[in-house]
N, C-alpha and C. Protein backbone atom coordinates (compact mmCIF):
# COMPACT_ATOMS: atom_id res chain seq x y z
N UNK A 1 -174.28 171.08 29.39
CA UNK A 1 -173.91 171.73 31.06
C UNK A 1 -173.01 172.86 30.69
N UNK A 2 -173.16 173.97 32.20
CA UNK A 2 -172.74 174.80 32.10
C UNK A 2 -171.10 174.58 32.51
N UNK A 3 -170.41 175.35 31.70
CA UNK A 3 -168.66 175.27 32.01
C UNK A 3 -168.52 175.00 33.28
N UNK A 4 -167.10 174.45 33.32
CA UNK A 4 -166.54 174.38 34.85
C UNK A 4 -166.56 175.93 35.45
N UNK A 5 -166.57 175.88 36.63
CA UNK A 5 -165.82 177.24 37.09
C UNK A 5 -164.81 178.24 36.91
N UNK A 6 -163.91 177.35 36.73
CA UNK A 6 -162.44 177.75 36.39
C UNK A 6 -162.61 177.89 34.46
N UNK A 7 -163.40 177.19 33.77
CA UNK A 7 -163.71 177.55 32.46
C UNK A 7 -164.30 178.80 32.17
N UNK A 8 -165.01 179.40 33.16
CA UNK A 8 -165.70 180.38 32.44
C UNK A 8 -165.05 181.75 32.61
N UNK A 9 -165.55 183.04 32.01
CA UNK A 9 -165.05 184.41 31.92
C UNK A 9 -165.89 185.38 32.52
N UNK A 10 -166.37 185.27 33.63
CA UNK A 10 -167.24 186.41 34.03
C UNK A 10 -166.87 187.44 34.28
N UNK A 11 -168.33 188.55 33.92
CA UNK A 11 -167.31 189.90 34.85
C UNK A 11 -168.44 190.46 36.15
N UNK A 12 -169.68 189.55 35.34
CA UNK A 12 -170.77 189.35 36.61
C UNK A 12 -170.46 188.33 37.35
N UNK A 13 -171.02 187.91 39.17
CA UNK A 13 -170.29 187.02 39.31
C UNK A 13 -171.60 186.85 39.78
N UNK A 14 -172.12 185.52 40.47
CA UNK A 14 -173.53 185.13 40.66
C UNK A 14 -173.90 184.92 42.04
N UNK A 15 -174.99 185.36 42.58
CA UNK A 15 -175.36 185.66 43.99
C UNK A 15 -174.87 184.23 44.67
N UNK A 16 -174.30 184.74 46.44
CA UNK A 16 -174.12 183.28 46.65
C UNK A 16 -172.36 182.66 46.16
N UNK A 17 -171.84 183.32 45.14
CA UNK A 17 -170.87 182.88 44.98
C UNK A 17 -170.47 181.47 44.65
N UNK A 18 -169.31 180.95 44.42
CA UNK A 18 -169.65 179.64 43.37
C UNK A 18 -169.50 178.42 44.28
N UNK A 19 -169.47 177.50 43.56
CA UNK A 19 -169.79 175.97 44.55
C UNK A 19 -168.68 175.31 44.16
N UNK A 20 -167.66 174.68 45.04
CA UNK A 20 -166.76 174.29 45.05
C UNK A 20 -166.82 172.76 45.08
N UNK A 21 -166.65 171.64 44.53
CA UNK A 21 -166.91 170.28 44.36
C UNK A 21 -165.58 169.83 44.57
N UNK A 22 -165.57 169.20 45.93
CA UNK A 22 -164.48 168.32 46.37
C UNK A 22 -164.89 166.80 46.22
N UNK A 23 -164.08 165.91 45.31
CA UNK A 23 -164.26 164.24 45.35
C UNK A 23 -164.02 163.63 46.27
N UNK A 24 -164.42 163.02 47.15
CA UNK A 24 -164.42 162.50 48.24
C UNK A 24 -163.04 161.28 47.70
N UNK A 25 -163.52 160.31 46.80
CA UNK A 25 -162.89 159.28 46.56
C UNK A 25 -162.50 159.36 44.76
N UNK A 26 -161.80 159.27 44.21
CA UNK A 26 -161.17 158.57 42.91
C UNK A 26 -162.14 157.48 42.13
N UNK A 27 -162.25 157.53 40.73
CA UNK A 27 -162.92 156.41 40.49
C UNK A 27 -164.17 156.16 40.52
N UNK A 28 -165.02 155.41 40.09
CA UNK A 28 -166.08 155.36 39.66
C UNK A 28 -167.17 154.61 40.91
N UNK A 29 -168.34 154.74 41.38
CA UNK A 29 -168.68 154.38 42.64
C UNK A 29 -169.39 153.33 41.79
N UNK A 30 -169.64 152.10 42.70
CA UNK A 30 -170.15 150.72 41.90
C UNK A 30 -171.69 150.97 42.16
N UNK A 31 -172.43 150.44 41.37
CA UNK A 31 -173.91 150.09 42.10
C UNK A 31 -174.18 148.77 42.61
N UNK A 32 -174.84 148.95 43.50
CA UNK A 32 -174.96 147.57 44.47
C UNK A 32 -176.13 146.75 43.65
N UNK A 33 -175.89 145.61 43.78
CA UNK A 33 -176.31 144.81 43.12
C UNK A 33 -178.10 145.33 43.24
N UNK A 34 -178.83 144.60 42.13
CA UNK A 34 -180.61 144.66 42.71
C UNK A 34 -180.82 143.58 43.03
N UNK A 35 -181.90 143.53 44.05
CA UNK A 35 -182.26 143.00 45.23
C UNK A 35 -183.71 141.78 43.81
N UNK A 36 -183.53 140.40 44.29
CA UNK A 36 -184.07 139.25 43.02
C UNK A 36 -185.74 139.23 43.50
N UNK A 37 -186.03 140.09 45.18
CA UNK A 37 -187.60 140.01 45.37
C UNK A 37 -188.10 141.45 44.84
N UNK A 38 -187.53 142.27 44.09
CA UNK A 38 -188.35 143.63 43.76
C UNK A 38 -188.97 143.03 42.01
N UNK A 39 -190.00 143.56 42.18
CA UNK A 39 -190.73 143.67 41.12
C UNK A 39 -189.71 143.91 39.49
N UNK A 40 -190.24 142.89 38.48
CA UNK A 40 -189.33 142.96 36.97
C UNK A 40 -189.04 144.76 36.79
N UNK A 41 -190.57 145.16 37.06
CA UNK A 41 -190.10 146.65 35.99
C UNK A 41 -189.39 147.62 37.04
N UNK A 42 -189.22 147.33 38.59
CA UNK A 42 -188.62 148.15 39.26
C UNK A 42 -186.65 147.97 39.10
N UNK A 43 -186.63 146.39 39.20
CA UNK A 43 -185.39 145.84 38.96
C UNK A 43 -184.99 145.98 37.29
N UNK A 44 -185.41 146.47 36.71
CA UNK A 44 -185.52 146.70 35.09
C UNK A 44 -184.92 148.49 35.33
N UNK A 45 -185.90 149.07 35.97
CA UNK A 45 -185.38 150.51 36.02
C UNK A 45 -184.19 150.32 36.71
N UNK A 46 -184.06 149.96 37.94
CA UNK A 46 -182.52 150.08 39.18
C UNK A 46 -181.60 149.85 37.62
N UNK A 47 -181.42 148.86 37.18
CA UNK A 47 -180.37 148.17 36.38
C UNK A 47 -179.92 148.66 35.50
N UNK A 48 -181.29 149.87 34.92
CA UNK A 48 -181.04 150.23 33.40
C UNK A 48 -179.91 152.05 33.98
N UNK A 49 -179.83 151.86 35.54
CA UNK A 49 -179.44 153.58 36.08
C UNK A 49 -177.61 153.14 35.68
N UNK A 50 -177.43 151.91 36.05
CA UNK A 50 -175.99 152.08 35.35
C UNK A 50 -175.10 152.62 34.16
N UNK A 51 -176.48 151.93 33.29
CA UNK A 51 -175.60 152.42 32.06
C UNK A 51 -176.41 153.65 31.42
N UNK A 52 -176.99 154.83 32.00
CA UNK A 52 -177.53 155.88 32.12
C UNK A 52 -176.10 156.92 32.19
N UNK A 53 -176.09 157.97 31.46
CA UNK A 53 -174.78 158.75 31.41
C UNK A 53 -175.06 159.43 32.81
N UNK A 54 -176.07 159.78 33.27
CA UNK A 54 -176.26 160.82 34.88
C UNK A 54 -175.25 160.24 35.70
N UNK A 55 -175.22 158.18 35.20
CA UNK A 55 -174.65 157.22 36.86
C UNK A 55 -173.29 158.23 36.76
N UNK A 56 -172.67 158.55 36.21
CA UNK A 56 -171.16 158.68 36.38
C UNK A 56 -171.06 159.63 37.69
N UNK A 57 -171.92 160.41 37.91
CA UNK A 57 -172.01 161.56 38.79
C UNK A 57 -172.76 161.04 40.02
N UNK A 58 -172.99 159.96 39.87
CA UNK A 58 -173.81 158.88 41.32
C UNK A 58 -172.51 159.04 42.41
N UNK A 59 -173.00 158.84 43.58
CA UNK A 59 -172.17 158.64 44.75
C UNK A 59 -173.14 157.78 45.37
N UNK A 60 -172.71 157.43 46.53
CA UNK A 60 -172.79 155.79 47.53
C UNK A 60 -174.34 156.59 47.93
N UNK A 61 -174.84 157.42 48.32
CA UNK A 61 -175.76 157.94 48.80
C UNK A 61 -176.82 158.17 47.62
N UNK A 62 -176.46 158.19 46.58
CA UNK A 62 -177.56 158.29 45.50
C UNK A 62 -177.85 156.74 44.75
N UNK A 63 -176.93 156.02 45.10
CA UNK A 63 -177.38 154.54 44.79
C UNK A 63 -178.53 154.09 45.58
N UNK A 64 -178.39 154.63 47.26
CA UNK A 64 -178.95 153.95 48.24
C UNK A 64 -180.56 154.26 47.90
N UNK A 65 -180.67 156.03 47.15
CA UNK A 65 -181.84 156.22 47.04
C UNK A 65 -182.43 155.56 46.00
N UNK A 66 -181.50 155.04 45.16
CA UNK A 66 -182.05 154.37 43.97
C UNK A 66 -182.94 152.98 44.25
N UNK A 67 -182.08 152.51 45.20
CA UNK A 67 -182.44 151.36 45.96
C UNK A 67 -183.81 151.55 46.56
N UNK A 68 -183.54 152.99 47.35
CA UNK A 68 -185.28 152.78 48.10
C UNK A 68 -186.33 153.00 47.09
N UNK A 69 -186.23 153.66 46.29
CA UNK A 69 -186.94 154.33 45.07
C UNK A 69 -187.94 153.00 44.63
N UNK A 70 -186.47 151.72 44.13
CA UNK A 70 -187.25 150.67 43.95
C UNK A 70 -188.01 149.94 44.76
N UNK A 71 -187.64 149.99 45.93
CA UNK A 71 -188.36 149.25 46.95
C UNK A 71 -189.46 149.62 46.70
N UNK A 72 -189.74 150.83 46.69
CA UNK A 72 -191.13 151.52 47.31
C UNK A 72 -191.96 151.29 45.36
N UNK A 73 -190.99 151.19 44.55
CA UNK A 73 -191.81 150.92 43.16
C UNK A 73 -192.47 149.39 43.82
N UNK A 74 -191.75 148.28 44.20
CA UNK A 74 -191.97 147.18 43.98
C UNK A 74 -193.12 146.97 45.33
N UNK A 75 -192.96 148.01 46.05
CA UNK A 75 -194.39 147.55 46.76
C UNK A 75 -195.59 148.33 46.30
N UNK A 76 -196.01 149.04 45.16
CA UNK A 76 -196.77 149.76 44.89
C UNK A 76 -197.33 148.75 43.88
N UNK A 77 -196.44 148.33 43.01
CA UNK A 77 -196.83 147.40 41.94
C UNK A 77 -197.54 146.51 42.32
N UNK A 78 -197.24 145.44 43.58
CA UNK A 78 -197.27 144.50 43.70
C UNK A 78 -198.80 144.47 44.75
N UNK A 79 -198.70 146.15 45.13
CA UNK A 79 -199.97 146.00 46.24
C UNK A 79 -201.34 145.84 45.40
N UNK A 80 -201.85 144.96 46.07
CA UNK A 80 -203.54 144.86 45.94
C UNK A 80 -204.82 146.15 45.29
N UNK A 81 -203.69 147.60 45.82
CA UNK A 81 -204.56 148.76 45.58
C UNK A 81 -203.23 149.72 44.99
N UNK A 82 -203.70 150.08 43.93
CA UNK A 82 -201.83 151.20 43.36
C UNK A 82 -202.24 152.47 44.53
N UNK A 83 -201.47 152.79 44.83
CA UNK A 83 -201.68 153.97 45.72
C UNK A 83 -200.92 155.56 44.57
N UNK A 84 -201.59 156.48 44.42
CA UNK A 84 -201.31 157.83 43.69
C UNK A 84 -200.32 158.15 44.51
N UNK A 85 -200.45 157.94 45.24
CA UNK A 85 -199.60 159.30 46.97
C UNK A 85 -198.34 158.15 46.47
N UNK A 86 -198.32 157.46 46.78
CA UNK A 86 -196.81 156.34 46.61
C UNK A 86 -196.41 156.55 45.01
N UNK A 87 -196.97 156.71 44.05
CA UNK A 87 -196.57 157.03 42.82
C UNK A 87 -195.90 158.31 42.52
N UNK A 88 -196.40 159.05 43.09
CA UNK A 88 -195.88 160.30 43.30
C UNK A 88 -194.28 160.97 44.01
N UNK A 89 -194.22 160.21 44.64
CA UNK A 89 -193.36 160.24 45.26
C UNK A 89 -191.89 159.18 44.96
N UNK A 90 -192.31 158.19 44.01
CA UNK A 90 -191.49 157.33 43.37
C UNK A 90 -191.22 158.19 42.34
N UNK A 91 -191.91 159.30 41.23
CA UNK A 91 -191.24 160.54 40.48
C UNK A 91 -190.54 160.94 40.92
N UNK A 92 -191.12 161.87 42.28
CA UNK A 92 -190.30 162.42 42.82
C UNK A 92 -188.84 162.38 43.08
N UNK A 93 -188.85 160.94 43.51
CA UNK A 93 -187.06 160.27 43.75
C UNK A 93 -186.20 160.26 42.54
N UNK A 94 -187.41 159.73 41.59
CA UNK A 94 -186.40 159.43 40.05
C UNK A 94 -186.25 161.22 39.49
N UNK A 95 -187.14 161.71 39.42
CA UNK A 95 -186.32 163.08 39.56
C UNK A 95 -185.13 163.84 39.86
N UNK A 96 -185.24 163.33 41.02
CA UNK A 96 -183.93 164.11 41.94
C UNK A 96 -182.62 163.15 41.08
N UNK A 97 -182.97 162.08 40.90
CA UNK A 97 -181.82 161.12 40.61
C UNK A 97 -181.29 161.38 38.84
N UNK A 98 -181.98 162.15 38.18
CA UNK A 98 -181.93 162.95 37.13
C UNK A 98 -182.04 161.93 35.83
N UNK A 99 -183.47 161.07 36.21
CA UNK A 99 -183.73 159.57 35.80
C UNK A 99 -184.29 160.00 33.88
N UNK A 100 -184.91 161.56 34.03
CA UNK A 100 -185.97 161.67 32.66
C UNK A 100 -184.73 163.25 32.53
N UNK A 101 -185.57 163.09 30.76
CA UNK A 101 -184.84 163.98 30.14
C UNK A 101 -185.13 165.35 30.30
N UNK A 102 -186.72 165.60 31.32
CA UNK A 102 -186.96 166.69 31.95
C UNK A 102 -186.19 168.05 32.50
N UNK A 103 -186.05 166.44 33.71
CA UNK A 103 -185.09 166.58 35.00
C UNK A 103 -183.94 166.84 34.65
N UNK A 104 -183.00 166.18 33.24
CA UNK A 104 -181.61 167.06 33.06
C UNK A 104 -181.59 167.74 32.23
N UNK A 105 -182.48 168.41 31.67
CA UNK A 105 -182.44 169.73 30.93
C UNK A 105 -182.65 170.76 32.06
N UNK A 106 -183.70 170.74 33.35
CA UNK A 106 -184.00 171.59 34.19
C UNK A 106 -182.34 171.51 34.94
N UNK A 107 -181.60 170.51 34.97
CA UNK A 107 -180.17 170.45 35.70
C UNK A 107 -178.97 171.10 35.02
N UNK A 108 -179.24 171.73 33.68
CA UNK A 108 -178.50 172.27 32.65
C UNK A 108 -177.62 170.74 32.15
N UNK A 109 -177.95 169.37 32.16
CA UNK A 109 -177.06 168.38 31.71
C UNK A 109 -177.94 167.69 30.54
N UNK A 110 -177.06 167.77 29.73
CA UNK A 110 -177.02 167.04 28.16
C UNK A 110 -176.30 165.77 27.98
N UNK A 111 -177.16 165.00 27.80
CA UNK A 111 -176.10 163.35 27.30
C UNK A 111 -175.96 163.09 25.71
N UNK A 112 -174.53 163.23 25.66
CA UNK A 112 -175.12 162.67 23.80
C UNK A 112 -174.43 161.60 23.76
N UNK A 113 -175.04 160.16 23.17
CA UNK A 113 -174.54 159.05 23.02
C UNK A 113 -173.90 158.59 21.44
N UNK A 114 -172.38 158.58 21.16
CA UNK A 114 -171.81 158.61 20.39
C UNK A 114 -172.22 156.98 19.82
N UNK A 115 -172.49 157.88 18.17
CA UNK A 115 -172.79 156.19 17.45
C UNK A 115 -171.37 155.76 16.88
N UNK A 116 -171.31 154.54 16.65
CA UNK A 116 -170.66 153.70 16.11
C UNK A 116 -169.90 154.26 14.71
N UNK A 117 -168.74 154.42 14.64
CA UNK A 117 -168.11 154.88 13.27
C UNK A 117 -168.48 156.68 12.85
N UNK A 118 -169.21 157.24 13.88
CA UNK A 118 -168.94 158.61 13.56
C UNK A 118 -168.28 159.58 13.87
N UNK A 119 -166.96 158.57 14.88
CA UNK A 119 -165.89 159.54 15.16
C UNK A 119 -166.30 160.78 15.98
N UNK A 120 -167.46 160.70 16.89
CA UNK A 120 -167.78 161.67 17.85
C UNK A 120 -168.37 163.06 17.14
N UNK A 121 -168.27 163.05 15.76
CA UNK A 121 -168.20 164.24 14.95
C UNK A 121 -169.97 164.33 14.27
N UNK A 122 -170.87 163.89 15.03
CA UNK A 122 -171.69 164.10 14.86
C UNK A 122 -172.86 165.33 14.64
N UNK A 123 -173.79 165.57 13.84
CA UNK A 123 -174.49 167.13 14.13
C UNK A 123 -176.10 166.59 13.53
N UNK A 124 -176.76 167.32 14.69
CA UNK A 124 -178.49 166.83 14.60
C UNK A 124 -178.77 167.10 13.76
N UNK A 125 -180.34 165.66 13.73
CA UNK A 125 -180.46 165.83 11.82
C UNK A 125 -181.18 167.14 11.56
N UNK A 126 -181.43 168.29 12.22
CA UNK A 126 -182.03 168.82 11.77
C UNK A 126 -181.14 169.94 10.63
N UNK A 127 -179.70 169.98 11.08
CA UNK A 127 -178.60 170.44 10.67
C UNK A 127 -178.26 169.84 9.61
N UNK A 128 -177.89 168.31 8.84
CA UNK A 128 -177.86 167.55 8.47
C UNK A 128 -178.93 167.98 6.88
N UNK A 129 -180.15 167.69 7.90
CA UNK A 129 -181.24 168.10 6.33
C UNK A 129 -181.08 169.20 5.63
N UNK A 130 -180.46 170.15 6.57
CA UNK A 130 -180.58 171.38 6.09
C UNK A 130 -179.76 171.65 5.28
N UNK A 131 -178.27 171.06 5.37
CA UNK A 131 -177.28 171.01 4.28
C UNK A 131 -177.46 170.12 3.38
N UNK A 132 -177.38 169.28 3.57
CA UNK A 132 -178.18 168.75 1.90
C UNK A 132 -179.19 169.19 1.16
N UNK A 133 -180.18 169.87 1.76
CA UNK A 133 -181.24 170.41 1.05
C UNK A 133 -180.25 171.85 0.42
N UNK A 134 -179.48 172.25 1.25
CA UNK A 134 -178.93 173.81 0.80
C UNK A 134 -177.87 173.03 -0.70
N UNK A 135 -177.40 171.54 -0.06
CA UNK A 135 -176.36 171.41 -1.50
C UNK A 135 -177.05 171.08 -2.70
N UNK A 136 -178.21 170.40 -2.65
CA UNK A 136 -179.17 169.87 -3.60
C UNK A 136 -179.58 170.78 -4.32
N UNK A 137 -179.76 172.28 -4.04
CA UNK A 137 -179.75 173.26 -4.61
C UNK A 137 -178.61 174.04 -5.33
N UNK A 138 -177.86 173.71 -4.66
CA UNK A 138 -176.61 174.30 -5.54
C UNK A 138 -175.85 175.21 -4.74
N UNK A 139 -176.30 175.56 -3.32
CA UNK A 139 -175.56 176.04 -2.37
C UNK A 139 -175.14 176.39 -1.30
């Protein structure tokens, strides 16, 4: 994710100026409960959002959007005939909520999960493997 505007040192200013974000409330926004009437896949997807890293950025309107998407998923999954158009709309809404890796990368948002016992000092697997090879060769 790009640095906060206050942390950047730039000589060239982007067109349109900087965007200032003002938080309306302090603390995390709570996820509304899932509907027991939703299809199990829609309910699992909705409940997984709270465990996802991007959820820390969700506002109440984002949670309501997610509820609407889960409802649309349910209608499509329980319909006698699967609608490709509704499926495309659901995927579009999921992208807006940054629920896929591709959507997060396009938004320049990276989420790293800390592993137990690593103390936050985790290297990418490729770098670790190269260091092991280098050490094995005596270099």
